[in-house]
Amino acid sequence: MRSLKVGAHDVEVRPRVIVEIANPGAELAVTGPWIRSYRAVDRRFLITVVDAADAASVEAMYRAAGIAIERAWTTYEYEEVSEPVPQTTVVVVTDYDRPLSDPDNIGKAERVFACLDARATGAWARSYLATDRRRMVCEFQGRDTESIREALHTANVAFGIAWRADKLERVTAS
């Protein structure tokens, strides 16, 4: 794990694998080193986050468990050190034509943070940037999906799809 600072935000970075489930309407199947899942409220999308460093081993694990997946990809998780106040969970997925550079990523993050703070519409919680830097999944907490979309548009940050999600997380015994 490494840490970095983006504006006033302290961010931790960890390797992860994202799995897009082929049949998101099915019951959630948890296998292996599962951390959390984001399931669209309308059940059209299901993204699962796994504590692993390579997608191939996770794909094999899901196949062995009989779970159909669309794709799995290796990523880095960028997570704000202090968790935002829980509101509606909104997932934003973006594909890039070319790899996203660190300066571009940090610039976009700073614009989004400033816009969210100024509008008091929500907060960024974490992002997953593929190791090839061409796909990103971001989690926001906000009033609703439209307020997050508006903040991204105002910050001049292009994105692919945004959807309201139920966030399901692993509970660890204390």
C-alpha atoms as a PDB file:
ATOM      1  CA  MET A   1       0.000   0.000   0.000  1.00  0.00           C
ATOM      2  CA  ARG A   2       1.131   3.538  -0.701  1.00  0.00           C
ATOM      3  CA  SER A   3      -0.336   6.931   0.177  1.00  0.00           C
ATOM      4  CA  LEU A   4      -0.654  10.171  -1.736  1.00  0.00           C
ATOM      5  CA  LYS A   5      -2.254  13.577  -1.335  1.00  0.00           C
ATOM      6  CA  VAL A   6      -4.793  14.969  -3.843  1.00  0.00           C
ATOM      7  CA  GLY A   7      -5.612  18.532  -2.833  1.00  0.00           C
ATOM      8  CA  ALA A   8      -6.796  18.312   0.783  1.00  0.00           C
ATOM      9  CA  HIS A   9      -7.592  14.592   0.449  1.00  0.00           C
ATOM     10  CA  ASP A  10      -5.383  11.814   1.844  1.00  0.00           C
ATOM     11  CA  VAL A  11      -5.603   8.769  -0.438  1.00  0.00           C
ATOM     12  CA  GLU A  12      -4.379   5.182   0.043  1.00  0.00           C
ATOM     13  CA  VAL A  13      -3.521   3.002  -2.987  1.00  0.00           C
ATOM     14  CA  ARG A  14      -3.794  -0.843  -3.037  1.00  0.00           C
ATOM     15  CA  PRO A  15      -3.795  -3.545  -5.757  1.00  0.00           C
ATOM     16  CA  ARG A  16      -7.220  -5.141  -6.418  1.00  0.00           C
ATOM     17  CA  VAL A  17      -9.128  -7.060  -9.090  1.00  0.00           C
ATOM     18  CA  ILE A  18     -12.531  -5.950 -10.436  1.00  0.00           C
ATOM     19  CA  VAL A  19     -14.956  -8.646 -11.620  1.00  0.00           C
ATOM     20  CA  GLU A  20     -17.986  -7.819 -13.753  1.00  0.00           C
ATOM     21  CA  ILE A  21     -20.592 -10.525 -13.191  1.00  0.00           C
ATOM     22  CA  ALA A  22     -22.367 -11.917 -16.272  1.00  0.00           C
ATOM     23  CA  ASN A  23     -25.781 -12.442 -14.634  1.00  0.00           C
ATOM     24  CA  PRO A  24     -26.211  -9.460 -12.297  1.00  0.00           C
ATOM     25  CA  GLY A  25     -29.842 -10.337 -11.526  1.00  0.00           C
ATOM     26  CA  ALA A  26     -28.795 -13.569  -9.840  1.00  0.00           C
ATOM     27  CA  GLU A  27     -28.158 -13.803  -6.144  1.00  0.00           C
ATOM     28  CA  LEU A  28     -24.776 -12.489  -5.115  1.00  0.00           C
ATOM     29  CA  ALA A  29     -22.214 -15.290  -5.051  1.00  0.00           C
ATOM     30  CA  VAL A  30     -19.279 -14.488  -2.803  1.00  0.00           C
ATOM     31  CA  THR A  31     -16.114 -16.455  -3.275  1.00  0.00           C
ATOM     32  CA  GLY A  32     -12.482 -16.130  -2.281  1.00  0.00           C
ATOM     33  CA  PRO A  33     -10.996 -12.892  -0.982  1.00  0.00           C
ATOM     34  CA  TRP A  34     -14.136 -10.819  -1.683  1.00  0.00           C
ATOM     35  CA  ILE A  35     -14.114  -7.247  -0.311  1.00  0.00           C
ATOM     36  CA  ARG A  36     -17.256  -5.532  -1.615  1.00  0.00           C
ATOM     37  CA  SER A  37     -19.749  -5.489  -4.462  1.00  0.00           C
ATOM     38  CA  TYR A  38     -21.766  -2.784  -6.140  1.00  0.00           C
ATOM     39  CA  ARG A  39     -25.093  -3.981  -7.526  1.00  0.00           C
ATOM     40  CA  ALA A  40     -27.258  -1.577  -9.516  1.00  0.00           C
ATOM     41  CA  VAL A  41     -30.572  -1.034  -7.777  1.00  0.00           C
ATOM     42  CA  ASP A  42     -32.307  -2.237 -10.956  1.00  0.00           C
ATOM     43  CA  ARG A  43     -29.899  -5.247 -10.984  1.00  0.00           C
ATOM     44  CA  ARG A  44     -28.559  -4.501 -14.498  1.00  0.00           C
ATOM     45  CA  PHE A  45     -24.942  -4.289 -13.294  1.00  0.00           C
ATOM     46  CA  LEU A  46     -22.851  -6.053 -10.673  1.00  0.00           C
ATOM     47  CA  ILE A  47     -19.212  -5.219 -10.016  1.00  0.00           C
ATOM     48  CA  THR A  48     -17.251  -7.118  -7.384  1.00  0.00           C
ATOM     49  CA  VAL A  49     -13.948  -6.073  -5.793  1.00  0.00           C
ATOM     50  CA  VAL A  50     -11.511  -8.838  -4.863  1.00  0.00           C
ATOM     51  CA  ASP A  51      -8.351  -8.604  -2.751  1.00  0.00           C
ATOM     52  CA  ALA A  52      -5.960 -10.009  -5.348  1.00  0.00           C
ATOM     53  CA  ALA A  53      -3.154  -8.755  -7.557  1.00  0.00           C
ATOM     54  CA  ASP A  54      -3.905 -10.583 -10.826  1.00  0.00           C
ATOM     55  CA  ALA A  55      -7.114 -11.066 -12.805  1.00  0.00           C
ATOM     56  CA  ALA A  56      -6.234 -14.501 -14.247  1.00  0.00           C
ATOM     57  CA  SER A  57      -6.226 -16.231 -10.844  1.00  0.00           C
ATOM     58  CA  VAL A  58      -9.530 -14.569  -9.920  1.00  0.00           C
ATOM     59  CA  GLU A  59     -11.122 -15.647 -13.235  1.00  0.00           C
ATOM     60  CA  ALA A  60     -10.018 -19.243 -12.536  1.00  0.00           C
ATOM     61  CA  MET A  61     -11.419 -19.055  -8.990  1.00  0.00           C
ATOM     62  CA  TYR A  62     -14.817 -17.837 -10.264  1.00  0.00           C
ATOM     63  CA  ARG A  63     -14.890 -20.496 -13.037  1.00  0.00           C
ATOM     64  CA  ALA A  64     -14.118 -23.206 -10.466  1.00  0.00           C
ATOM     65  CA  ALA A  65     -17.031 -21.922  -8.357  1.00  0.00           C
ATOM     66  CA  GLY A  66     -19.342 -22.030 -11.417  1.00  0.00           C
ATOM     67  CA  ILE A  67     -19.887 -18.254 -11.519  1.00  0.00           C
ATOM     68  CA  ALA A  68     -20.199 -16.686 -15.000  1.00  0.00           C
ATOM     69  CA  ILE A  69     -18.299 -13.426 -15.404  1.00  0.00           C
ATOM     70  CA  GLU A  70     -18.151 -10.823 -18.187  1.00  0.00           C
ATOM     71  CA  ARG A  71     -14.550  -9.889 -17.461  1.00  0.00           C
ATOM     72  CA  ALA A  72     -12.028  -9.445 -14.696  1.00  0.00           C
ATOM     73  CA  TRP A  73      -9.288  -6.847 -14.684  1.00  0.00           C
ATOM     74  CA  THR A  74      -6.390  -5.900 -12.467  1.00  0.00           C
ATOM     75  CA  THR A  75      -6.670  -2.468 -10.898  1.00  0.00           C
ATOM     76  CA  TYR A  76      -5.407  -0.141  -8.206  1.00  0.00           C
ATOM     77  CA  GLU A  77      -7.876   0.994  -5.566  1.00  0.00           C
ATOM     78  CA  TYR A  78      -7.619   4.667  -4.595  1.00  0.00           C
ATOM     79  CA  GLU A  79      -9.511   5.211  -1.345  1.00  0.00           C
ATOM     80  CA  GLU A  80     -10.026   8.304   0.767  1.00  0.00           C
ATOM     81  CA  VAL A  81      -8.578   7.710   4.230  1.00  0.00           C
ATOM     82  CA  SER A  82     -11.673   9.075   5.996  1.00  0.00           C
ATOM     83  CA  GLU A  83     -14.896   7.434   4.814  1.00  0.00           C
ATOM     84  CA  PRO A  84     -17.583   9.944   3.729  1.00  0.00           C
ATOM     85  CA  VAL A  85     -20.951  10.182   5.468  1.00  0.00           C
ATOM     86  CA  PRO A  86     -23.164   7.400   4.068  1.00  0.00           C
ATOM     87  CA  GLN A  87     -25.741   8.558   1.511  1.00  0.00           C
ATOM     88  CA  THR A  88     -26.814   7.040  -1.789  1.00  0.00           C
ATOM     89  CA  THR A  89     -23.994   5.011  -3.367  1.00  0.00           C
ATOM     90  CA  VAL A  90     -23.372   6.006  -6.984  1.00  0.00           C
ATOM     91  CA  VAL A  91     -20.998   4.042  -9.248  1.00  0.00           C
ATOM     92  CA  VAL A  92     -19.414   5.765 -12.252  1.00  0.00           C
ATOM     93  CA  VAL A  93     -17.665   3.667 -14.930  1.00  0.00           C
ATOM     94  CA  THR A  94     -15.399   5.242 -17.557  1.00  0.00           C
ATOM     95  CA  ASP A  95     -13.384   3.761 -20.429  1.00  0.00           C
ATOM     96  CA  TYR A  96     -10.506   5.795 -21.905  1.00  0.00           C
ATOM     97  CA  ASP A  97      -9.237   5.673 -25.499  1.00  0.00           C
ATOM     98  CA  ARG A  98      -5.673   6.105 -24.257  1.00  0.00           C
ATOM     99  CA  PRO A  99      -4.096   5.388 -20.869  1.00  0.00           C
ATOM    100  CA  LEU A 100      -4.965   7.981 -18.228  1.00  0.00           C
ATOM    101  CA  SER A 101      -1.794   9.745 -17.053  1.00  0.00           C
ATOM    102  CA  ASP A 102      -1.201  10.644 -13.394  1.00  0.00           C
ATOM    103  CA  PRO A 103      -1.397  14.402 -14.109  1.00  0.00           C
ATOM    104  CA  ASP A 104      -4.709  13.938 -15.986  1.00  0.00           C
ATOM    105  CA  ASN A 105      -6.095  11.702 -13.235  1.00  0.00           C
ATOM    106  CA  ILE A 106      -5.076  14.094 -10.438  1.00  0.00           C
ATOM    107  CA  GLY A 107      -6.389  17.103 -12.391  1.00  0.00           C
ATOM    108  CA  LYS A 108      -9.769  15.444 -12.885  1.00  0.00           C
ATOM    109  CA  ALA A 109      -9.893  14.409  -9.230  1.00  0.00           C
ATOM    110  CA  GLU A 110      -9.123  17.931  -8.023  1.00  0.00           C
ATOM    111  CA  ARG A 111     -11.858  19.424 -10.270  1.00  0.00           C
ATOM    112  CA  VAL A 112     -14.407  16.846  -9.108  1.00  0.00           C
ATOM    113  CA  PHE A 113     -13.498  17.320  -5.422  1.00  0.00           C
ATOM    114  CA  ALA A 114     -13.824  21.101  -5.756  1.00  0.00           C
ATOM    115  CA  CYS A 115     -17.171  20.792  -7.520  1.00  0.00           C
ATOM    116  CA  LEU A 116     -18.592  18.294  -5.020  1.00  0.00           C
ATOM    117  CA  ASP A 117     -17.402  20.451  -2.105  1.00  0.00           C
ATOM    118  CA  ALA A 118     -18.775  23.693  -3.602  1.00  0.00           C
ATOM    119  CA  ARG A 119     -22.155  22.163  -4.445  1.00  0.00           C
ATOM    120  CA  ALA A 120     -22.369  20.046  -1.253  1.00  0.00           C
ATOM    121  CA  THR A 121     -23.929  17.311  -3.413  1.00  0.00           C
ATOM    122  CA  GLY A 122     -21.782  14.392  -2.389  1.00  0.00           C
ATOM    123  CA  ALA A 123     -18.325  13.008  -1.804  1.00  0.00           C
ATOM    124  CA  TRP A 124     -15.872  10.716  -3.544  1.00  0.00           C
ATOM    125  CA  ALA A 125     -15.220   7.483  -1.611  1.00  0.00           C
ATOM    126  CA  ARG A 126     -12.856   5.402  -3.777  1.00  0.00           C
ATOM    127  CA  SER A 127     -11.779   4.624  -7.338  1.00  0.00           C
ATOM    128  CA  TYR A 128     -10.356   1.610  -9.133  1.00  0.00           C
ATOM    129  CA  LEU A 129      -8.009   2.409 -12.036  1.00  0.00           C
ATOM    130  CA  ALA A 130      -7.068  -0.536 -14.265  1.00  0.00           C
ATOM    131  CA  THR A 131      -3.354  -1.254 -14.386  1.00  0.00           C
ATOM    132  CA  ASP A 132      -3.440  -0.478 -18.132  1.00  0.00           C
ATOM    133  CA  ARG A 133      -5.013   2.883 -17.069  1.00  0.00           C
ATOM    134  CA  ARG A 134      -7.836   2.604 -19.667  1.00  0.00           C
ATOM    135  CA  ARG A 135     -10.820   1.846 -17.371  1.00  0.00           C
ATOM    136  CA  MET A 136     -11.934   3.330 -14.078  1.00  0.00           C
ATOM    137  CA  VAL A 137     -14.736   2.577 -11.621  1.00  0.00           C
ATOM    138  CA  CYS A 138     -15.480   5.263  -9.016  1.00  0.00           C
ATOM    139  CA  GLU A 139     -17.698   5.155  -5.932  1.00  0.00           C
ATOM    140  CA  PHE A 140     -19.380   8.348  -4.780  1.00  0.00           C
ATOM    141  CA  GLN A 141     -21.737   9.010  -1.891  1.00  0.00           C
ATOM    142  CA  GLY A 142     -24.355  11.609  -2.798  1.00  0.00           C
ATOM    143  CA  ARG A 143     -27.936  12.818  -2.672  1.00  0.00           C
ATOM    144  CA  ASP A 144     -28.769  10.911  -5.857  1.00  0.00           C
ATOM    145  CA  THR A 145     -27.282   9.768  -9.145  1.00  0.00           C
ATOM    146  CA  GLU A 146     -28.236  12.930 -11.026  1.00  0.00           C
ATOM    147  CA  SER A 147     -26.436  15.233  -8.563  1.00  0.00           C
ATOM    148  CA  ILE A 148     -23.209  13.225  -9.071  1.00  0.00           C
ATOM    149  CA  ARG A 149     -23.659  13.344 -12.876  1.00  0.00           C
ATOM    150  CA  GLU A 150     -24.195  17.126 -12.690  1.00  0.00           C
ATOM    151  CA  ALA A 151     -21.068  17.572 -10.551  1.00  0.00           C
ATOM    152  CA  LEU A 152     -19.000  15.577 -13.076  1.00  0.00           C
ATOM    153  CA  HIS A 153     -20.396  17.609 -15.984  1.00  0.00           C
ATOM    154  CA  THR A 154     -19.735  20.892 -14.136  1.00  0.00           C
ATOM    155  CA  ALA A 155     -16.161  19.743 -13.412  1.00  0.00           C
ATOM    156  CA  ASN A 156     -15.801  18.989 -17.152  1.00  0.00           C
ATOM    157  CA  VAL A 157     -15.037  15.311 -16.450  1.00  0.00           C
ATOM    158  CA  ALA A 158     -16.294  12.881 -19.096  1.00  0.00           C
ATOM    159  CA  PHE A 159     -17.646   9.530 -17.923  1.00  0.00           C
ATOM    160  CA  GLY A 160     -19.342   6.496 -19.427  1.00  0.00           C
ATOM    161  CA  ILE A 161     -22.190   5.391 -17.186  1.00  0.00           C
ATOM    162  CA  ALA A 162     -23.391   6.299 -13.685  1.00  0.00           C
ATOM    163  CA  TRP A 163     -25.819   4.210 -11.665  1.00  0.00           C
ATOM    164  CA  ARG A 164     -27.214   4.001  -8.154  1.00  0.00           C
ATOM    165  CA  ALA A 165     -25.924   0.939  -6.349  1.00  0.00           C
ATOM    166  CA  ASP A 166     -26.467  -1.141  -3.281  1.00  0.00           C
ATOM    167  CA  LYS A 167     -23.042  -1.545  -1.695  1.00  0.00           C
ATOM    168  CA  LEU A 168     -22.471  -4.947  -0.112  1.00  0.00           C
ATOM    169  CA  GLU A 169     -19.365  -5.327   2.036  1.00  0.00           C
ATOM    170  CA  ARG A 170     -17.591  -8.085   3.874  1.00  0.00           C
ATOM    171  CA  VAL A 171     -18.132  -7.919   7.614  1.00  0.00           C
ATOM    172  CA  THR A 172     -15.130  -8.872   9.689  1.00  0.00           C
ATOM    173  CA  ALA A 173     -15.513 -10.278  13.188  1.00  0.00           C
ATOM    174  CA  SER A 174     -14.116  -8.035  15.887  1.00  0.00           C
END
